[in-house]
N, C-alpha and C. Protein backbone atom coordinates (compact mmCIF):
# COMPACT_ATOMS: atom_id res chain seq x y z
N MET A 1 -76.14 -15.95 -57.53
CA MET A 1 -76.62 -16.40 -56.24
C MET A 1 -77.58 -15.39 -55.62
N THR A 2 -77.52 -14.11 -56.03
CA THR A 2 -78.39 -13.10 -55.43
C THR A 2 -79.85 -13.33 -55.76
N ASN A 3 -80.18 -14.16 -56.78
CA ASN A 3 -81.58 -14.36 -57.14
C ASN A 3 -82.37 -15.07 -56.06
N HIS A 4 -81.70 -15.67 -55.08
CA HIS A 4 -82.40 -16.35 -53.99
C HIS A 4 -82.44 -15.49 -52.73
N MET A 5 -81.84 -14.31 -52.77
CA MET A 5 -81.82 -13.43 -51.61
C MET A 5 -83.03 -12.53 -51.63
N THR A 6 -83.45 -12.14 -50.45
CA THR A 6 -84.54 -11.17 -50.32
C THR A 6 -84.05 -10.00 -49.50
N ILE A 7 -84.65 -8.86 -49.76
CA ILE A 7 -84.39 -7.65 -49.00
C ILE A 7 -85.69 -7.31 -48.28
N ARG A 8 -85.59 -7.09 -46.99
CA ARG A 8 -86.79 -6.76 -46.22
C ARG A 8 -86.46 -5.63 -45.25
N ASN A 9 -87.51 -4.99 -44.76
CA ASN A 9 -87.33 -3.97 -43.73
C ASN A 9 -86.87 -4.63 -42.43
N ALA A 10 -85.94 -3.99 -41.75
CA ALA A 10 -85.48 -4.50 -40.46
C ALA A 10 -86.58 -4.33 -39.42
N VAL A 11 -86.56 -5.24 -38.47
CA VAL A 11 -87.48 -5.18 -37.32
C VAL A 11 -86.63 -5.17 -36.05
N GLU A 12 -87.25 -4.91 -34.94
CA GLU A 12 -86.53 -4.79 -33.67
C GLU A 12 -85.64 -6.00 -33.38
N THR A 13 -86.10 -7.18 -33.74
CA THR A 13 -85.32 -8.39 -33.45
C THR A 13 -84.05 -8.49 -34.31
N ASP A 14 -83.88 -7.62 -35.29
CA ASP A 14 -82.67 -7.60 -36.12
C ASP A 14 -81.52 -6.84 -35.45
N ARG A 15 -81.80 -6.12 -34.37
CA ARG A 15 -80.76 -5.33 -33.71
C ARG A 15 -79.55 -6.18 -33.32
N ASP A 16 -79.80 -7.37 -32.79
CA ASP A 16 -78.68 -8.22 -32.39
C ASP A 16 -77.79 -8.56 -33.59
N PHE A 17 -78.40 -8.91 -34.71
CA PHE A 17 -77.64 -9.20 -35.93
C PHE A 17 -76.82 -7.98 -36.36
N ILE A 18 -77.45 -6.82 -36.36
CA ILE A 18 -76.77 -5.59 -36.76
C ILE A 18 -75.55 -5.34 -35.87
N PHE A 19 -75.74 -5.46 -34.57
CA PHE A 19 -74.62 -5.21 -33.66
C PHE A 19 -73.57 -6.32 -33.71
N GLU A 20 -73.93 -7.52 -34.12
CA GLU A 20 -72.94 -8.57 -34.31
C GLU A 20 -71.91 -8.19 -35.37
N LEU A 21 -72.32 -7.36 -36.33
CA LEU A 21 -71.42 -6.95 -37.40
C LEU A 21 -70.58 -5.74 -37.03
N SER A 22 -70.86 -5.12 -35.89
CA SER A 22 -70.13 -3.94 -35.46
C SER A 22 -68.62 -4.17 -35.36
N PRO A 23 -68.15 -5.27 -34.76
CA PRO A 23 -66.69 -5.48 -34.69
C PRO A 23 -66.02 -5.52 -36.06
N ARG A 24 -66.72 -6.06 -37.04
CA ARG A 24 -66.17 -6.11 -38.40
C ARG A 24 -66.05 -4.70 -38.98
N LEU A 25 -67.06 -3.87 -38.73
CA LEU A 25 -67.01 -2.49 -39.20
C LEU A 25 -65.86 -1.73 -38.55
N ALA A 26 -65.66 -1.96 -37.26
CA ALA A 26 -64.57 -1.30 -36.53
C ALA A 26 -63.21 -1.80 -37.01
N GLU A 27 -63.12 -3.09 -37.27
CA GLU A 27 -61.85 -3.70 -37.69
C GLU A 27 -61.34 -3.13 -39.01
N VAL A 28 -62.25 -2.97 -39.98
CA VAL A 28 -61.81 -2.51 -41.30
C VAL A 28 -61.43 -1.04 -41.31
N ALA A 29 -61.73 -0.31 -40.23
CA ALA A 29 -61.35 1.09 -40.14
C ALA A 29 -59.83 1.25 -40.16
N SER A 30 -59.10 0.33 -39.53
CA SER A 30 -57.63 0.35 -39.47
C SER A 30 -57.09 1.72 -39.04
N LEU A 31 -57.63 2.24 -37.96
CA LEU A 31 -57.20 3.53 -37.43
C LEU A 31 -56.15 3.29 -36.35
N THR A 32 -54.90 3.10 -36.77
CA THR A 32 -53.83 2.68 -35.86
C THR A 32 -53.51 3.73 -34.80
N TRP A 33 -53.89 4.97 -35.00
CA TRP A 33 -53.64 6.02 -34.02
C TRP A 33 -54.69 6.06 -32.92
N HIS A 34 -55.70 5.18 -33.00
CA HIS A 34 -56.72 5.03 -31.95
C HIS A 34 -56.65 3.61 -31.41
N ALA A 35 -56.89 3.47 -30.12
CA ALA A 35 -56.98 2.14 -29.54
C ALA A 35 -58.17 1.41 -30.13
N ASP A 36 -58.05 0.09 -30.29
CA ASP A 36 -59.14 -0.71 -30.84
C ASP A 36 -60.43 -0.52 -30.05
N SER A 37 -60.31 -0.42 -28.72
CA SER A 37 -61.51 -0.25 -27.89
C SER A 37 -62.21 1.08 -28.17
N VAL A 38 -61.44 2.10 -28.48
CA VAL A 38 -62.02 3.42 -28.80
C VAL A 38 -62.77 3.35 -30.12
N VAL A 39 -62.17 2.69 -31.11
CA VAL A 39 -62.82 2.55 -32.42
C VAL A 39 -64.09 1.71 -32.29
N GLN A 40 -64.03 0.63 -31.50
CA GLN A 40 -65.21 -0.20 -31.33
C GLN A 40 -66.33 0.56 -30.63
N LYS A 41 -66.01 1.34 -29.61
CA LYS A 41 -67.03 2.12 -28.92
C LYS A 41 -67.64 3.14 -29.88
N MET A 42 -66.80 3.79 -30.68
CA MET A 42 -67.30 4.74 -31.67
C MET A 42 -68.27 4.05 -32.62
N GLN A 43 -67.92 2.86 -33.07
CA GLN A 43 -68.78 2.15 -34.02
C GLN A 43 -70.10 1.74 -33.38
N ASP A 44 -70.05 1.22 -32.15
CA ASP A 44 -71.28 0.84 -31.45
C ASP A 44 -72.17 2.06 -31.22
N ASP A 45 -71.56 3.16 -30.79
CA ASP A 45 -72.32 4.39 -30.54
C ASP A 45 -72.93 4.91 -31.84
N TYR A 46 -72.17 4.81 -32.92
CA TYR A 46 -72.64 5.29 -34.22
C TYR A 46 -73.85 4.47 -34.69
N ILE A 47 -73.78 3.16 -34.56
CA ILE A 47 -74.90 2.30 -34.94
C ILE A 47 -76.13 2.65 -34.10
N THR A 48 -75.93 2.81 -32.81
CA THR A 48 -77.03 3.17 -31.91
C THR A 48 -77.68 4.47 -32.37
N LYS A 49 -76.85 5.46 -32.65
CA LYS A 49 -77.38 6.77 -33.09
C LYS A 49 -78.13 6.65 -34.42
N MET A 50 -77.58 5.90 -35.36
CA MET A 50 -78.21 5.79 -36.67
C MET A 50 -79.54 5.05 -36.59
N LEU A 51 -79.67 4.14 -35.66
CA LEU A 51 -80.90 3.34 -35.57
C LEU A 51 -81.97 4.00 -34.70
N GLU A 52 -81.65 5.13 -34.07
CA GLU A 52 -82.64 5.83 -33.25
C GLU A 52 -83.78 6.32 -34.13
N GLU A 53 -84.97 6.37 -33.56
CA GLU A 53 -86.11 6.90 -34.28
C GLU A 53 -85.88 8.38 -34.59
N THR A 54 -86.31 8.80 -35.75
CA THR A 54 -86.17 10.18 -36.18
C THR A 54 -87.33 10.51 -37.09
N SER A 55 -87.65 11.78 -37.18
CA SER A 55 -88.71 12.19 -38.10
C SER A 55 -88.19 12.31 -39.52
N ALA A 56 -86.88 12.32 -39.71
CA ALA A 56 -86.29 12.40 -41.05
C ALA A 56 -86.49 11.07 -41.77
N PRO A 57 -86.68 11.11 -43.06
CA PRO A 57 -86.82 9.86 -43.82
C PRO A 57 -85.62 8.94 -43.62
N HIS A 58 -85.87 7.68 -43.40
CA HIS A 58 -84.79 6.70 -43.21
C HIS A 58 -85.33 5.29 -43.45
N THR A 59 -84.41 4.37 -43.64
CA THR A 59 -84.77 2.96 -43.78
C THR A 59 -83.59 2.10 -43.35
N THR A 60 -83.90 0.98 -42.75
CA THR A 60 -82.89 -0.04 -42.45
C THR A 60 -83.40 -1.33 -43.07
N LEU A 61 -82.55 -1.93 -43.90
CA LEU A 61 -82.93 -3.10 -44.66
C LEU A 61 -82.00 -4.27 -44.33
N ILE A 62 -82.56 -5.47 -44.39
CA ILE A 62 -81.82 -6.69 -44.13
C ILE A 62 -81.84 -7.55 -45.40
N ALA A 63 -80.68 -8.07 -45.78
CA ALA A 63 -80.60 -9.06 -46.85
C ALA A 63 -80.57 -10.42 -46.19
N GLU A 64 -81.39 -11.33 -46.71
CA GLU A 64 -81.40 -12.66 -46.14
C GLU A 64 -81.61 -13.71 -47.22
N LYS A 65 -81.21 -14.91 -46.88
CA LYS A 65 -81.40 -16.06 -47.75
C LYS A 65 -81.81 -17.23 -46.87
N ASP A 66 -82.90 -17.84 -47.23
CA ASP A 66 -83.43 -18.98 -46.47
C ASP A 66 -83.58 -18.66 -44.98
N GLY A 67 -84.01 -17.43 -44.70
CA GLY A 67 -84.25 -17.02 -43.33
C GLY A 67 -83.00 -16.64 -42.54
N VAL A 68 -81.84 -16.67 -43.19
CA VAL A 68 -80.58 -16.32 -42.53
C VAL A 68 -80.17 -14.91 -42.94
N SER A 69 -79.96 -14.03 -41.97
CA SER A 69 -79.54 -12.66 -42.26
C SER A 69 -78.10 -12.66 -42.75
N LEU A 70 -77.86 -11.93 -43.85
CA LEU A 70 -76.54 -11.89 -44.47
C LEU A 70 -75.88 -10.53 -44.39
N GLY A 71 -76.69 -9.48 -44.29
CA GLY A 71 -76.14 -8.14 -44.26
C GLY A 71 -77.24 -7.13 -44.01
N PHE A 72 -76.83 -5.89 -43.76
CA PHE A 72 -77.81 -4.82 -43.55
C PHE A 72 -77.29 -3.52 -44.13
N ILE A 73 -78.22 -2.61 -44.36
CA ILE A 73 -77.89 -1.27 -44.81
C ILE A 73 -78.84 -0.31 -44.11
N HIS A 74 -78.32 0.85 -43.78
CA HIS A 74 -79.15 1.91 -43.22
C HIS A 74 -78.97 3.12 -44.12
N ALA A 75 -80.07 3.69 -44.57
CA ALA A 75 -80.04 4.90 -45.40
C ALA A 75 -80.94 5.93 -44.75
N ARG A 76 -80.59 7.19 -44.92
CA ARG A 76 -81.38 8.25 -44.32
C ARG A 76 -81.21 9.53 -45.11
N ALA A 77 -82.02 10.51 -44.76
CA ALA A 77 -81.94 11.82 -45.41
C ALA A 77 -80.72 12.57 -44.90
N ARG A 78 -80.22 13.44 -45.75
CA ARG A 78 -79.06 14.26 -45.41
C ARG A 78 -79.09 15.50 -46.29
N LYS A 79 -78.44 16.54 -45.84
CA LYS A 79 -78.29 17.75 -46.64
C LYS A 79 -76.93 17.70 -47.33
N ASP A 80 -76.93 17.81 -48.65
CA ASP A 80 -75.67 17.77 -49.37
C ASP A 80 -74.81 18.97 -48.98
N GLU A 81 -73.55 18.72 -48.66
CA GLU A 81 -72.66 19.78 -48.19
C GLU A 81 -72.25 20.77 -49.27
N ILE A 82 -72.37 20.40 -50.52
CA ILE A 82 -71.99 21.29 -51.62
C ILE A 82 -73.17 22.11 -52.10
N SER A 83 -74.27 21.45 -52.45
CA SER A 83 -75.42 22.14 -53.04
C SER A 83 -76.46 22.56 -52.01
N GLY A 84 -76.45 21.92 -50.85
CA GLY A 84 -77.45 22.21 -49.84
C GLY A 84 -78.77 21.49 -50.05
N GLU A 85 -78.87 20.73 -51.13
CA GLU A 85 -80.13 20.02 -51.41
C GLU A 85 -80.25 18.77 -50.56
N ALA A 86 -81.49 18.33 -50.38
CA ALA A 86 -81.74 17.08 -49.67
C ALA A 86 -81.24 15.93 -50.54
N CYS A 87 -80.60 14.97 -49.90
CA CYS A 87 -80.13 13.78 -50.60
C CYS A 87 -80.19 12.60 -49.64
N GLY A 88 -79.90 11.42 -50.15
CA GLY A 88 -79.82 10.25 -49.30
C GLY A 88 -78.38 10.02 -48.89
N THR A 89 -78.21 9.32 -47.79
CA THR A 89 -76.87 8.92 -47.37
C THR A 89 -76.94 7.51 -46.82
N VAL A 90 -75.85 6.79 -46.98
CA VAL A 90 -75.73 5.42 -46.46
C VAL A 90 -74.65 5.46 -45.38
N PRO A 91 -75.03 5.67 -44.13
CA PRO A 91 -74.04 5.70 -43.06
C PRO A 91 -73.58 4.31 -42.62
N LEU A 92 -74.36 3.29 -42.93
CA LEU A 92 -74.02 1.94 -42.50
C LEU A 92 -74.34 0.91 -43.57
N LEU A 93 -73.36 0.09 -43.87
CA LEU A 93 -73.53 -1.08 -44.73
C LEU A 93 -72.57 -2.13 -44.21
N ALA A 94 -73.09 -3.30 -43.92
CA ALA A 94 -72.23 -4.39 -43.46
C ALA A 94 -72.76 -5.71 -43.96
N VAL A 95 -71.85 -6.59 -44.32
CA VAL A 95 -72.17 -7.93 -44.79
C VAL A 95 -71.41 -8.91 -43.91
N SER A 96 -72.08 -9.96 -43.48
CA SER A 96 -71.42 -10.94 -42.62
C SER A 96 -70.25 -11.57 -43.38
N PRO A 97 -69.19 -11.91 -42.67
CA PRO A 97 -68.00 -12.46 -43.34
C PRO A 97 -68.31 -13.69 -44.20
N THR A 98 -69.24 -14.53 -43.78
CA THR A 98 -69.56 -15.73 -44.55
C THR A 98 -70.32 -15.43 -45.83
N ALA A 99 -70.86 -14.21 -45.95
CA ALA A 99 -71.62 -13.85 -47.14
C ALA A 99 -70.84 -12.93 -48.08
N GLN A 100 -69.60 -12.63 -47.75
CA GLN A 100 -68.78 -11.78 -48.61
C GLN A 100 -68.65 -12.42 -50.00
N GLY A 101 -68.72 -11.60 -51.03
CA GLY A 101 -68.55 -12.09 -52.39
C GLY A 101 -69.78 -12.71 -53.01
N MET A 102 -70.91 -12.68 -52.31
CA MET A 102 -72.15 -13.26 -52.82
C MET A 102 -73.07 -12.22 -53.48
N GLY A 103 -72.64 -10.96 -53.53
CA GLY A 103 -73.47 -9.92 -54.11
C GLY A 103 -74.42 -9.27 -53.11
N VAL A 104 -74.25 -9.56 -51.83
CA VAL A 104 -75.14 -9.01 -50.81
C VAL A 104 -75.02 -7.50 -50.74
N GLY A 105 -73.79 -7.00 -50.67
CA GLY A 105 -73.58 -5.56 -50.56
C GLY A 105 -74.14 -4.82 -51.77
N LYS A 106 -73.92 -5.36 -52.94
CA LYS A 106 -74.43 -4.74 -54.17
C LYS A 106 -75.96 -4.69 -54.16
N LEU A 107 -76.58 -5.77 -53.72
CA LEU A 107 -78.04 -5.83 -53.65
C LEU A 107 -78.58 -4.81 -52.64
N LEU A 108 -77.92 -4.70 -51.50
CA LEU A 108 -78.34 -3.73 -50.49
C LEU A 108 -78.15 -2.29 -50.98
N MET A 109 -77.04 -2.03 -51.66
CA MET A 109 -76.82 -0.68 -52.19
C MET A 109 -77.88 -0.33 -53.25
N LYS A 110 -78.24 -1.30 -54.08
CA LYS A 110 -79.29 -1.06 -55.08
C LYS A 110 -80.61 -0.72 -54.38
N ALA A 111 -80.91 -1.43 -53.31
CA ALA A 111 -82.13 -1.15 -52.55
C ALA A 111 -82.09 0.25 -51.95
N ALA A 112 -80.92 0.69 -51.48
CA ALA A 112 -80.79 2.04 -50.93
C ALA A 112 -80.98 3.08 -52.04
N GLU A 113 -80.48 2.81 -53.22
CA GLU A 113 -80.67 3.73 -54.35
C GLU A 113 -82.15 3.84 -54.69
N VAL A 114 -82.85 2.71 -54.72
CA VAL A 114 -84.29 2.73 -54.99
C VAL A 114 -85.00 3.56 -53.94
N TRP A 115 -84.67 3.35 -52.67
CA TRP A 115 -85.28 4.12 -51.59
C TRP A 115 -85.03 5.61 -51.78
N ALA A 116 -83.77 5.98 -52.08
CA ALA A 116 -83.42 7.39 -52.25
C ALA A 116 -84.19 8.01 -53.43
N LYS A 117 -84.32 7.29 -54.52
CA LYS A 117 -85.09 7.79 -55.67
C LYS A 117 -86.56 7.96 -55.29
N GLU A 118 -87.10 7.03 -54.50
CA GLU A 118 -88.49 7.14 -54.05
C GLU A 118 -88.71 8.38 -53.19
N GLN A 119 -87.65 8.82 -52.52
CA GLN A 119 -87.74 10.04 -51.70
C GLN A 119 -87.61 11.30 -52.57
N GLY A 120 -87.27 11.12 -53.83
CA GLY A 120 -87.10 12.25 -54.74
C GLY A 120 -85.69 12.82 -54.74
N TYR A 121 -84.72 12.07 -54.19
CA TYR A 121 -83.35 12.58 -54.13
C TYR A 121 -82.62 12.35 -55.44
N ARG A 122 -81.72 13.27 -55.75
CA ARG A 122 -80.90 13.20 -56.95
C ARG A 122 -79.54 12.58 -56.66
N LEU A 123 -79.13 12.63 -55.39
CA LEU A 123 -77.79 12.18 -54.99
C LEU A 123 -77.87 11.16 -53.86
N LEU A 124 -76.92 10.24 -53.86
CA LEU A 124 -76.77 9.30 -52.75
C LEU A 124 -75.33 9.44 -52.25
N HIS A 125 -75.19 9.76 -50.99
CA HIS A 125 -73.92 10.05 -50.34
C HIS A 125 -73.52 8.87 -49.47
N LEU A 126 -72.23 8.72 -49.24
CA LEU A 126 -71.77 7.77 -48.24
C LEU A 126 -70.38 8.19 -47.79
N GLU A 127 -70.00 7.67 -46.65
CA GLU A 127 -68.65 7.87 -46.14
C GLU A 127 -68.03 6.51 -45.92
N VAL A 128 -66.75 6.42 -46.13
CA VAL A 128 -66.04 5.15 -45.97
C VAL A 128 -64.69 5.48 -45.32
N PHE A 129 -64.24 4.60 -44.43
CA PHE A 129 -62.93 4.81 -43.81
C PHE A 129 -61.86 4.85 -44.88
N ALA A 130 -60.94 5.80 -44.75
CA ALA A 130 -59.90 6.01 -45.75
C ALA A 130 -59.04 4.77 -45.99
N ASN A 131 -58.83 3.96 -44.95
CA ASN A 131 -57.97 2.79 -45.08
C ASN A 131 -58.70 1.55 -45.60
N ASN A 132 -59.98 1.66 -45.86
CA ASN A 132 -60.76 0.50 -46.30
C ASN A 132 -60.74 0.41 -47.83
N ASP A 133 -59.61 -0.05 -48.34
CA ASP A 133 -59.41 -0.11 -49.79
C ASP A 133 -60.44 -1.00 -50.49
N LYS A 134 -60.81 -2.10 -49.85
CA LYS A 134 -61.80 -3.00 -50.44
C LYS A 134 -63.13 -2.27 -50.66
N ALA A 135 -63.55 -1.50 -49.67
CA ALA A 135 -64.81 -0.75 -49.79
C ALA A 135 -64.68 0.35 -50.84
N HIS A 136 -63.52 1.00 -50.91
CA HIS A 136 -63.33 2.04 -51.94
C HIS A 136 -63.56 1.45 -53.32
N GLY A 137 -62.96 0.29 -53.59
CA GLY A 137 -63.14 -0.36 -54.89
C GLY A 137 -64.58 -0.76 -55.13
N PHE A 138 -65.23 -1.29 -54.09
CA PHE A 138 -66.64 -1.69 -54.19
C PHE A 138 -67.50 -0.50 -54.59
N TYR A 139 -67.34 0.61 -53.89
CA TYR A 139 -68.17 1.79 -54.17
C TYR A 139 -67.85 2.43 -55.52
N LYS A 140 -66.57 2.44 -55.89
CA LYS A 140 -66.20 2.96 -57.22
C LYS A 140 -66.86 2.14 -58.32
N ASN A 141 -66.89 0.82 -58.15
CA ASN A 141 -67.53 -0.06 -59.13
C ASN A 141 -69.03 0.19 -59.23
N LEU A 142 -69.62 0.75 -58.17
CA LEU A 142 -71.05 1.10 -58.20
C LEU A 142 -71.30 2.51 -58.71
N GLY A 143 -70.23 3.22 -59.08
CA GLY A 143 -70.38 4.55 -59.65
C GLY A 143 -70.16 5.71 -58.70
N PHE A 144 -69.76 5.44 -57.47
CA PHE A 144 -69.49 6.51 -56.52
C PHE A 144 -68.13 7.13 -56.81
N GLU A 145 -68.04 8.43 -56.56
CA GLU A 145 -66.78 9.15 -56.73
C GLU A 145 -66.47 9.94 -55.47
N ALA A 146 -65.17 10.12 -55.19
CA ALA A 146 -64.76 10.92 -54.04
C ALA A 146 -65.14 12.37 -54.29
N GLU A 147 -65.65 13.00 -53.24
CA GLU A 147 -66.03 14.41 -53.34
C GLU A 147 -65.18 15.28 -52.41
N THR A 148 -65.04 14.88 -51.17
CA THR A 148 -64.15 15.56 -50.23
C THR A 148 -63.38 14.48 -49.47
N LEU A 149 -62.30 14.87 -48.86
CA LEU A 149 -61.48 13.95 -48.10
C LEU A 149 -61.08 14.63 -46.79
N HIS A 150 -61.39 14.02 -45.68
CA HIS A 150 -60.99 14.52 -44.37
C HIS A 150 -59.69 13.83 -44.01
N MET A 151 -58.74 14.60 -43.51
CA MET A 151 -57.45 14.02 -43.14
C MET A 151 -57.14 14.31 -41.68
N ILE A 152 -56.29 13.48 -41.09
CA ILE A 152 -55.93 13.64 -39.68
C ILE A 152 -54.47 13.24 -39.50
N LYS A 153 -53.84 13.83 -38.49
CA LYS A 153 -52.45 13.50 -38.17
C LYS A 153 -52.33 13.43 -36.65
N PRO A 154 -51.82 12.30 -36.15
CA PRO A 154 -51.56 12.26 -34.71
C PRO A 154 -50.37 13.17 -34.40
N ILE A 155 -50.47 13.97 -33.36
CA ILE A 155 -49.35 14.88 -33.00
C ILE A 155 -48.94 14.69 -31.55
């Protein structure tokens, strides 16, 4: 089904679509030690920050089919915490619930890899909520491996 999808650069009018997916991103976090409203605010603030103009290399891409937006990805430059080299990172990837299982996420991740290679990066980094088992499996199937793990305990 992905052969009918297109990937394009996001434009200002895509902001509403991107923020429509914010509740889904917050929901899959499953951070029971935080109030839902706190997690949602964090997610909205994070999206706002990631979409701000910056001089660092970045891209926001939209997957669509027949003019309907299905998902988005944001990739940007980052300094690798281990080697210190410049690399790409994917701080945001979201697919609308109705498009789950159609290959949208895989197509967007491939586009982010292409972008990162065009920048001359050797590595592509991402972070995923620890409780998001579905995303862990998705990223592992794409060849990503865990490098560090941040842990927290409510006290």
